[in-house]
PDB file of N, CA and C in Angstrom:
ATOM      1  N   MET A   1       0.759  -0.730   0.017  1.00  0.00           N
ATOM      2  CA  MET A   1       0.295   0.061   0.259  1.00  0.00           C
ATOM      3  C   MET A   1       0.937   1.255   0.374  1.00  0.00           C
ATOM      4  N   GLN A   2       0.210   2.552  -0.773  1.00  0.00           N
ATOM      5  CA  GLN A   2       0.972   3.465  -1.140  1.00  0.00           C
ATOM      6  C   GLN A   2       0.618   4.256   0.007  1.00  0.00           C
ATOM      7  N   LYS A   3       2.099   5.237   0.501  1.00  0.00           N
ATOM      8  CA  LYS A   3       2.043   5.957   1.939  1.00  0.00           C
ATOM      9  C   LYS A   3       1.629   7.036   1.104  1.00  0.00           C
ATOM     10  N   PRO A   4       0.589   7.937   1.862  1.00  0.00           N
ATOM     11  CA  PRO A   4       0.153   9.528   1.633  1.00  0.00           C
ATOM     12  C   PRO A   4       0.928  10.347   1.455  1.00  0.00           C
ATOM     13  N   LYS A   5       1.054  10.991   0.175  1.00  0.00           N
ATOM     14  CA  LYS A   5       2.175  11.885   0.113  1.00  0.00           C
ATOM     15  C   LYS A   5       1.990  13.302   1.067  1.00  0.00           C
ATOM     16  N   LYS A   6       2.774  13.492   1.359  1.00  0.00           N
ATOM     17  CA  LYS A   6       2.997  14.784   2.942  1.00  0.00           C
ATOM     18  C   LYS A   6       2.399  15.839   1.929  1.00  0.00           C
ATOM     19  N   ILE A   7       1.683  16.780   2.298  1.00  0.00           N
ATOM     20  CA  ILE A   7       1.406  17.779   1.970  1.00  0.00           C
ATOM     21  C   ILE A   7       2.166  18.966   2.751  1.00  0.00           C
ATOM     22  N   PRO A   8       2.915  19.354   1.449  1.00  0.00           N
ATOM     23  CA  PRO A   8       4.471  20.667   2.395  1.00  0.00           C
ATOM     24  C   PRO A   8       3.189  21.921   3.161  1.00  0.00           C
ATOM     25  N   GLN A   9       3.568  22.577   4.444  1.00  0.00           N
ATOM     26  CA  GLN A   9       2.358  23.453   5.023  1.00  0.00           C
ATOM     27  C   GLN A   9       3.663  24.356   5.273  1.00  0.00           C
ATOM     28  N   ARG A  10       3.019  25.762   5.563  1.00  0.00           N
ATOM     29  CA  ARG A  10       3.947  27.145   5.672  1.00  0.00           C
ATOM     30  C   ARG A  10       3.245  27.759   6.109  1.00  0.00           C
ATOM     31  N   GLN A  11       3.938  29.182   6.648  1.00  0.00           N
ATOM     32  CA  GLN A  11       2.723  29.578   7.594  1.00  0.00           C
ATOM     33  C   GLN A  11       2.940  31.512   7.408  1.00  0.00           C
ATOM     34  N   CYS A  12       1.658  31.355   7.300  1.00  0.00           N
ATOM     35  CA  CYS A  12       1.571  33.020   6.328  1.00  0.00           C
ATOM     36  C   CYS A  12       1.840  33.891   7.412  1.00  0.00           C
ATOM     37  N   VAL A  13       2.833  34.671   6.736  1.00  0.00           N
ATOM     38  CA  VAL A  13       3.498  35.457   7.848  1.00  0.00           C
ATOM     39  C   VAL A  13       2.190  36.963   8.073  1.00  0.00           C
ATOM     40  N   GLY A  14       1.073  36.810   7.948  1.00  0.00           N
ATOM     41  CA  GLY A  14      -0.154  37.930   8.005  1.00  0.00           C
ATOM     42  C   GLY A  14      -0.985  37.334   9.490  1.00  0.00           C
ATOM     43  N   CYS A  15      -1.454  36.079   9.038  1.00  0.00           N
ATOM     44  CA  CYS A  15      -2.034  35.697   9.946  1.00  0.00           C
ATOM     45  C   CYS A  15      -1.452  34.217  11.429  1.00  0.00           C
ATOM     46  N   ARG A  16      -0.127  33.822  10.345  1.00  0.00           N
ATOM     47  CA  ARG A  16       0.629  33.345  11.386  1.00  0.00           C
ATOM     48  C   ARG A  16      -0.713  31.686  11.645  1.00  0.00           C
ATOM     49  N   GLU A  17      -1.261  31.666  10.755  1.00  0.00           N
ATOM     50  CA  GLU A  17      -1.572  30.397  10.358  1.00  0.00           C
ATOM     51  C   GLU A  17      -0.715  29.213   9.428  1.00  0.00           C
ATOM     52  N   MET A  18      -0.801  27.972   9.946  1.00  0.00           N
ATOM     53  CA  MET A  18      -0.234  26.745   9.155  1.00  0.00           C
ATOM     54  C   MET A  18      -1.281  26.348   8.059  1.00  0.00           C
ATOM     55  N   LYS A  19      -1.023  26.739   6.573  1.00  0.00           N
ATOM     56  CA  LYS A  19      -1.520  26.219   5.819  1.00  0.00           C
ATOM     57  C   LYS A  19      -0.720  25.565   4.537  1.00  0.00           C
ATOM     58  N   GLU A  20      -2.033  24.952   3.834  1.00  0.00           N
ATOM     59  CA  GLU A  20      -1.120  24.215   2.121  1.00  0.00           C
ATOM     60  C   GLU A  20      -0.201  25.045   1.537  1.00  0.00           C
ATOM     61  N   LYS A  21       0.641  24.743   1.183  1.00  0.00           N
ATOM     62  CA  LYS A  21       1.674  25.669   0.652  1.00  0.00           C
ATOM     63  C   LYS A  21       1.105  26.146  -0.752  1.00  0.00           C
ATOM     64  N   ARG A  22       0.255  25.157  -1.512  1.00  0.00           N
ATOM     65  CA  ARG A  22       0.116  25.682  -2.678  1.00  0.00           C
ATOM     66  C   ARG A  22      -1.223  26.638  -2.528  1.00  0.00           C
ATOM     67  N   GLU A  23      -1.502  26.667  -1.390  1.00  0.00           N
ATOM     68  CA  GLU A  23      -2.951  28.132  -1.052  1.00  0.00           C
ATOM     69  C   GLU A  23      -2.748  29.227  -0.787  1.00  0.00           C
ATOM     70  N   LEU A  24      -1.153  28.841  -0.618  1.00  0.00           N
ATOM     71  CA  LEU A  24      -0.834  30.582  -0.211  1.00  0.00           C
ATOM     72  C   LEU A  24       0.205  31.141  -1.128  1.00  0.00           C
ATOM     73  N   ILE A  25       0.392  33.003  -1.412  1.00  0.00           N
ATOM     74  CA  ILE A  25       1.101  33.040  -2.096  1.00  0.00           C
ATOM     75  C   ILE A  25       2.731  33.472  -1.355  1.00  0.00           C
ATOM     76  N   ARG A  26       3.778  32.926  -2.662  1.00  0.00           N
ATOM     77  CA  ARG A  26       4.963  33.273  -2.002  1.00  0.00           C
ATOM     78  C   ARG A  26       5.211  34.341  -2.556  1.00  0.00           C
ATOM     79  N   VAL A  27       6.096  35.149  -1.475  1.00  0.00           N
ATOM     80  CA  VAL A  27       7.132  36.394  -1.665  1.00  0.00           C
ATOM     81  C   VAL A  27       8.267  35.981  -1.328  1.00  0.00           C
ATOM     82  N   VAL A  28       9.204  36.183  -2.482  1.00  0.00           N
ATOM     83  CA  VAL A  28      10.402  35.872  -2.301  1.00  0.00           C
ATOM     84  C   VAL A  28      11.317  37.080  -2.946  1.00  0.00           C
ATOM     85  N   LYS A  29      12.600  37.169  -2.063  1.00  0.00           N
ATOM     86  CA  LYS A  29      14.058  37.996  -2.091  1.00  0.00           C
ATOM     87  C   LYS A  29      14.806  37.115  -3.052  1.00  0.00           C
ATOM     88  N   SER A  30      14.787  37.274  -3.722  1.00  0.00           N
ATOM     89  CA  SER A  30      16.335  36.885  -4.772  1.00  0.00           C
ATOM     90  C   SER A  30      17.364  37.266  -4.401  1.00  0.00           C
ATOM     91  N   PRO A  31      18.530  36.121  -4.737  1.00  0.00           N
ATOM     92  CA  PRO A  31      19.701  36.414  -4.031  1.00  0.00           C
ATOM     93  C   PRO A  31      20.806  37.643  -4.472  1.00  0.00           C
ATOM     94  N   GLU A  32      19.695  38.603  -5.377  1.00  0.00           N
ATOM     95  CA  GLU A  32      20.878  40.024  -5.993  1.00  0.00           C
ATOM     96  C   GLU A  32      19.730  40.917  -5.021  1.00  0.00           C
ATOM     97  N   GLY A  33      18.746  40.448  -4.148  1.00  0.00           N
ATOM     98  CA  GLY A  33      18.156  41.512  -3.300  1.00  0.00           C
ATOM     99  C   GLY A  33      16.725  41.761  -3.792  1.00  0.00           C
ATOM    100  N   GLU A  34      16.379  41.428  -4.725  1.00  0.00           N
ATOM    101  CA  GLU A  34      14.815  41.796  -5.137  1.00  0.00           C
ATOM    102  C   GLU A  34      13.908  41.115  -4.844  1.00  0.00           C
ATOM    103  N   VAL A  35      12.666  41.787  -4.378  1.00  0.00           N
ATOM    104  CA  VAL A  35      11.658  41.369  -3.817  1.00  0.00           C
ATOM    105  C   VAL A  35      10.049  41.418  -5.052  1.00  0.00           C
ATOM    106  N   SER A  36       9.936  40.171  -5.114  1.00  0.00           N
ATOM    107  CA  SER A  36       8.939  39.746  -6.100  1.00  0.00           C
ATOM    108  C   SER A  36       8.247  39.187  -5.182  1.00  0.00           C
ATOM    109  N   LEU A  37       6.644  38.953  -6.320  1.00  0.00           N
ATOM    110  CA  LEU A  37       5.703  37.722  -6.353  1.00  0.00           C
ATOM    111  C   LEU A  37       5.842  36.421  -6.698  1.00  0.00           C
ATOM    112  N   ASP A  38       6.589  34.911  -6.501  1.00  0.00           N
ATOM    113  CA  ASP A  38       6.502  34.222  -6.923  1.00  0.00           C
ATOM    114  C   ASP A  38       5.463  32.948  -6.998  1.00  0.00           C
ATOM    115  N   PHE A  39       4.511  32.807  -8.452  1.00  0.00           N
ATOM    116  CA  PHE A  39       3.397  32.542  -8.183  1.00  0.00           C
ATOM    117  C   PHE A  39       3.542  30.711  -8.454  1.00  0.00           C
ATOM    118  N   SER A  40       5.137  30.616  -9.378  1.00  0.00           N
ATOM    119  CA  SER A  40       5.591  29.023  -9.463  1.00  0.00           C
ATOM    120  C   SER A  40       5.602  28.427  -8.241  1.00  0.00           C
ATOM    121  N   GLY A  41       6.712  29.332  -7.472  1.00  0.00           N
ATOM    122  CA  GLY A  41       6.819  28.475  -6.007  1.00  0.00           C
ATOM    123  C   GLY A  41       8.330  28.429  -6.593  1.00  0.00           C
ATOM    124  N   LYS A  42       8.980  28.543  -7.389  1.00  0.00           N
ATOM    125  CA  LYS A  42      10.243  27.796  -8.320  1.00  0.00           C
ATOM    126  C   LYS A  42      11.349  29.039  -8.329  1.00  0.00           C
ATOM    127  N   LYS A  43      11.279  30.367  -8.104  1.00  0.00           N
ATOM    128  CA  LYS A  43      12.026  31.317  -7.777  1.00  0.00           C
ATOM    129  C   LYS A  43      13.241  31.057  -6.952  1.00  0.00           C
ATOM    130  N   PRO A  44      14.348  31.331  -7.225  1.00  0.00           N
ATOM    131  CA  PRO A  44      15.322  31.038  -6.482  1.00  0.00           C
ATOM    132  C   PRO A  44      15.178  32.356  -5.739  1.00  0.00           C
ATOM    133  N   GLY A  45      15.766  31.548  -3.884  1.00  0.00           N
ATOM    134  CA  GLY A  45      15.670  32.866  -2.991  1.00  0.00           C
ATOM    135  C   GLY A  45      15.133  32.353  -1.715  1.00  0.00           C
ATOM    136  N   ARG A  46      15.061  33.825  -0.923  1.00  0.00           N
ATOM    137  CA  ARG A  46      14.319  33.049   0.769  1.00  0.00           C
ATOM    138  C   ARG A  46      12.839  33.692   0.162  1.00  0.00           C
ATOM    139  N   GLY A  47      11.632  32.622   0.759  1.00  0.00           N
ATOM    140  CA  GLY A  47      10.489  32.810   0.788  1.00  0.00           C
ATOM    141  C   GLY A  47      10.093  33.236   1.647  1.00  0.00           C
ATOM    142  N   ALA A  48       9.077  34.032   1.537  1.00  0.00           N
ATOM    143  CA  ALA A  48       7.754  33.993   2.844  1.00  0.00           C
ATOM    144  C   ALA A  48       6.299  33.972   2.439  1.00  0.00           C
ATOM    145  N   TYR A  49       5.366  33.575   3.202  1.00  0.00           N
ATOM    146  CA  TYR A  49       3.871  32.955   2.139  1.00  0.00           C
ATOM    147  C   TYR A  49       3.162  34.086   2.587  1.00  0.00           C
ATOM    148  N   LEU A  50       1.904  34.181   2.305  1.00  0.00           N
ATOM    149  CA  LEU A  50       0.843  35.234   2.554  1.00  0.00           C
ATOM    150  C   LEU A  50      -0.066  34.505   1.969  1.00  0.00           C
ATOM    151  N   CYS A  51      -1.229  34.319   3.077  1.00  0.00           N
ATOM    152  CA  CYS A  51      -2.708  33.825   2.104  1.00  0.00           C
ATOM    153  C   CYS A  51      -3.093  34.964   1.523  1.00  0.00           C
ATOM    154  N   PRO A  52      -3.690  34.695  -0.256  1.00  0.00           N
ATOM    155  CA  PRO A  52      -4.404  35.031  -0.749  1.00  0.00           C
ATOM    156  C   PRO A  52      -5.568  36.348   0.107  1.00  0.00           C
ATOM    157  N   ASP A  53      -5.254  36.945   1.299  1.00  0.00           N
ATOM    158  CA  ASP A  53      -6.503  37.578   1.591  1.00  0.00           C
ATOM    159  C   ASP A  53      -5.745  39.199   2.317  1.00  0.00           C
ATOM    160  N   ALA A  54      -6.587  40.204   1.160  1.00  0.00           N
ATOM    161  CA  ALA A  54      -6.288  41.224   1.570  1.00  0.00           C
ATOM    162  C   ALA A  54      -5.765  42.149   3.398  1.00  0.00           C
ATOM    163  N   GLU A  55      -6.389  41.488   4.361  1.00  0.00           N
ATOM    164  CA  GLU A  55      -6.399  41.439   5.499  1.00  0.00           C
ATOM    165  C   GLU A  55      -5.345  40.842   6.007  1.00  0.00           C
ATOM    166  N   CYS A  56      -4.883  39.429   5.280  1.00  0.00           N
ATOM    167  CA  CYS A  56      -3.213  39.020   6.119  1.00  0.00           C
ATOM    168  C   CYS A  56      -2.321  40.099   5.234  1.00  0.00           C
ATOM    169  N   LEU A  57      -2.162  40.254   3.915  1.00  0.00           N
ATOM    170  CA  LEU A  57      -1.321  41.341   3.691  1.00  0.00           C
ATOM    171  C   LEU A  57      -1.641  43.110   4.497  1.00  0.00           C
ATOM    172  N   LYS A  58      -2.278  43.330   4.878  1.00  0.00           N
ATOM    173  CA  LYS A  58      -2.384  44.310   5.908  1.00  0.00           C
ATOM    174  C   LYS A  58      -1.890  44.433   7.106  1.00  0.00           C
ATOM    175  N   ARG A  59      -2.076  42.571   7.609  1.00  0.00           N
ATOM    176  CA  ARG A  59      -1.191  42.421   9.082  1.00  0.00           C
ATOM    177  C   ARG A  59      -0.255  42.644   9.012  1.00  0.00           C
ATOM    178  N   ALA A  60       0.424  42.135   7.542  1.00  0.00           N
ATOM    179  CA  ALA A  60       2.039  41.611   7.727  1.00  0.00           C
ATOM    180  C   ALA A  60       2.403  43.090   7.683  1.00  0.00           C
ATOM    181  N   ARG A  61       1.822  43.884   6.815  1.00  0.00           N
ATOM    182  CA  ARG A  61       2.524  45.471   6.371  1.00  0.00           C
ATOM    183  C   ARG A  61       2.638  45.967   7.661  1.00  0.00           C
ATOM    184  N   LYS A  62       1.962  45.856   8.653  1.00  0.00           N
ATOM    185  CA  LYS A  62       1.305  46.500  10.026  1.00  0.00           C
ATOM    186  C   LYS A  62       2.731  45.885  10.870  1.00  0.00           C
ATOM    187  N   ALA A  63       2.615  44.908  11.187  1.00  0.00           N
ATOM    188  CA  ALA A  63       3.441  44.074  11.917  1.00  0.00           C
ATOM    189  C   ALA A  63       5.240  44.142  11.155  1.00  0.00           C
ATOM    190  N   ARG A  64       5.228  44.545  10.385  1.00  0.00           N
ATOM    191  CA  ARG A  64       6.626  44.558   9.160  1.00  0.00           C
ATOM    192  C   ARG A  64       7.021  43.099   9.302  1.00  0.00           C
ATOM    193  N   SER A  65       6.214  41.870   8.922  1.00  0.00           N
ATOM    194  CA  SER A  65       6.420  40.495   9.026  1.00  0.00           C
ATOM    195  C   SER A  65       7.802  40.406   7.650  1.00  0.00           C
ATOM    196  N   LEU A  66       7.147  41.053   6.432  1.00  0.00           N
ATOM    197  CA  LEU A  66       8.599  40.670   5.336  1.00  0.00           C
ATOM    198  C   LEU A  66       9.514  41.367   5.579  1.00  0.00           C
ATOM    199  N   GLU A  67       9.440  42.095   6.006  1.00  0.00           N
ATOM    200  CA  GLU A  67      10.728  43.003   6.401  1.00  0.00           C
ATOM    201  C   GLU A  67      11.779  42.134   7.597  1.00  0.00           C
ATOM    202  N   ARG A  68      11.326  41.544   7.914  1.00  0.00           N
ATOM    203  CA  ARG A  68      11.485  40.506   8.950  1.00  0.00           C
ATOM    204  C   ARG A  68      11.774  39.440   8.781  1.00  0.00           C
ATOM    205  N   ALA A  69      11.320  38.451   7.388  1.00  0.00           N
ATOM    206  CA  ALA A  69      11.660  37.788   7.170  1.00  0.00           C
ATOM    207  C   ALA A  69      13.077  37.846   6.196  1.00  0.00           C
ATOM    208  N   PHE A  70      13.146  39.038   5.636  1.00  0.00           N
ATOM    209  CA  PHE A  70      14.272  38.754   4.517  1.00  0.00           C
ATOM    210  C   PHE A  70      15.208  39.799   5.270  1.00  0.00           C
ATOM    211  N   SER A  71      15.034  40.352   6.725  1.00  0.00           N
ATOM    212  CA  SER A  71      15.412  41.120   6.562  1.00  0.00           C
ATOM    213  C   SER A  71      16.517  42.105   5.964  1.00  0.00           C
ATOM    214  N   ALA A  72      14.926  43.044   5.508  1.00  0.00           N
ATOM    215  CA  ALA A  72      15.567  44.214   4.456  1.00  0.00           C
ATOM    216  C   ALA A  72      14.198  44.911   4.450  1.00  0.00           C
ATOM    217  N   PRO A  73      14.124  46.132   3.892  1.00  0.00           N
ATOM    218  CA  PRO A  73      12.910  47.032   3.592  1.00  0.00           C
ATOM    219  C   PRO A  73      12.258  46.209   2.291  1.00  0.00           C
ATOM    220  N   ILE A  74      10.624  46.518   2.481  1.00  0.00           N
ATOM    221  CA  ILE A  74      10.524  46.053   1.512  1.00  0.00           C
ATOM    222  C   ILE A  74       9.734  47.606   0.472  1.00  0.00           C
ATOM    223  N   PRO A  75      10.017  47.606  -0.858  1.00  0.00           N
ATOM    224  CA  PRO A  75      10.305  48.454  -1.726  1.00  0.00           C
ATOM    225  C   PRO A  75       8.118  48.968  -1.499  1.00  0.00           C
ATOM    226  N   PRO A  76       8.137  50.175  -1.601  1.00  0.00           N
ATOM    227  CA  PRO A  76       6.490  50.492  -1.912  1.00  0.00           C
ATOM    228  C   PRO A  76       5.934  49.619  -3.061  1.00  0.00           C
ATOM    229  N   GLU A  77       6.596  49.316  -3.785  1.00  0.00           N
ATOM    230  CA  GLU A  77       5.939  49.376  -5.114  1.00  0.00           C
ATOM    231  C   GLU A  77       5.675  47.918  -5.465  1.00  0.00           C
ATOM    232  N   VAL A  78       6.089  46.740  -4.558  1.00  0.00           N
ATOM    233  CA  VAL A  78       6.232  45.466  -4.382  1.00  0.00           C
ATOM    234  C   VAL A  78       5.030  45.302  -3.136  1.00  0.00           C
ATOM    235  N   TRP A  79       4.972  46.367  -2.287  1.00  0.00           N
ATOM    236  CA  TRP A  79       3.199  46.285  -1.660  1.00  0.00           C
ATOM    237  C   TRP A  79       2.297  46.422  -2.461  1.00  0.00           C
ATOM    238  N   ALA A  80       2.750  47.279  -3.234  1.00  0.00           N
ATOM    239  CA  ALA A  80       1.279  47.925  -4.346  1.00  0.00           C
ATOM    240  C   ALA A  80       1.420  46.632  -5.240  1.00  0.00           C
ATOM    241  N   ARG A  81       1.890  46.277  -5.888  1.00  0.00           N
ATOM    242  CA  ARG A  81       1.697  45.024  -6.405  1.00  0.00           C
ATOM    243  C   ARG A  81       1.550  43.656  -5.295  1.00  0.00           C
ATOM    244  N   LEU A  82       1.282  43.585  -4.817  1.00  0.00           N
ATOM    245  CA  LEU A  82       0.771  42.639  -3.821  1.00  0.00           C
ATOM    246  C   LEU A  82      -0.285  43.079  -3.254  1.00  0.00           C
ATOM    247  N   GLU A  83      -0.708  43.684  -3.075  1.00  0.00           N
ATOM    248  CA  GLU A  83      -1.968  44.885  -2.890  1.00  0.00           C
ATOM    249  C   GLU A  83      -3.243  44.820  -4.522  1.00  0.00           C
ATOM    250  N   GLU A  84      -2.414  45.135  -5.282  1.00  0.00           N
ATOM    251  CA  GLU A  84      -3.536  44.324  -6.721  1.00  0.00           C
ATOM    252  C   GLU A  84      -3.344  43.054  -6.633  1.00  0.00           C
ATOM    253  N   GLU A  85      -2.572  42.574  -6.467  1.00  0.00           N
ATOM    254  CA  GLU A  85      -2.902  40.588  -7.068  1.00  0.00           C
ATOM    255  C   GLU A  85      -3.575  40.384  -5.856  1.00  0.00           C
ATOM    256  N   MET A  86      -3.918  40.959  -4.981  1.00  0.00           N
ATOM    257  CA  MET A  86      -4.844  40.355  -3.785  1.00  0.00           C
ATOM    258  C   MET A  86      -6.484  40.933  -4.228  1.00  0.00           C
ATOM    259  N   ALA A  87      -6.363  41.770  -4.758  1.00  0.00           N
ATOM    260  CA  ALA A  87      -7.630  42.162  -5.727  1.00  0.00           C
ATOM    261  C   ALA A  87      -8.088  41.378  -6.213  1.00  0.00           C
ATOM    262  N   HIS A  88      -7.016  41.195  -7.432  1.00  0.00           N
ATOM    263  CA  HIS A  88      -7.443  40.622  -8.462  1.00  0.00           C
ATOM    264  C   HIS A  88      -7.817  39.146  -8.344  1.00  0.00           C
ATOM    265  N   GLY A  89      -7.150  38.742  -7.131  1.00  0.00           N
ATOM    266  CA  GLY A  89      -7.185  36.806  -7.051  1.00  0.00           C
ATOM    267  C   GLY A  89      -9.034  36.910  -6.520  1.00  0.00           C
ATOM    268  N   GLU A  90      -9.425  38.042  -5.480  1.00  0.00           N
ATOM    269  CA  GLU A  90     -11.084  37.663  -4.898  1.00  0.00           C
ATOM    270  C   GLU A  90     -12.061  37.506  -5.676  1.00  0.00           C
TER     271      GLU A  90
END
């Protein structure tokens, strides 16, 4: 009998809940220091995960969770793009 495949879990930096990796949006900081959204989950670099929910994004921004995850400031255009993606996702 085949063992059930383990589903990777990640913690949302906004609500701090553990969820399935594929349900979350990955924000990645590349080795060059560029912060962007990664929908494929394959981009190289340090990743942080967010629920596709505007509330989690607001919470993460207020708590500066992404800045802490990447040890770097998040450019305003990245926040704007995240907000845009969340709006289209709903």
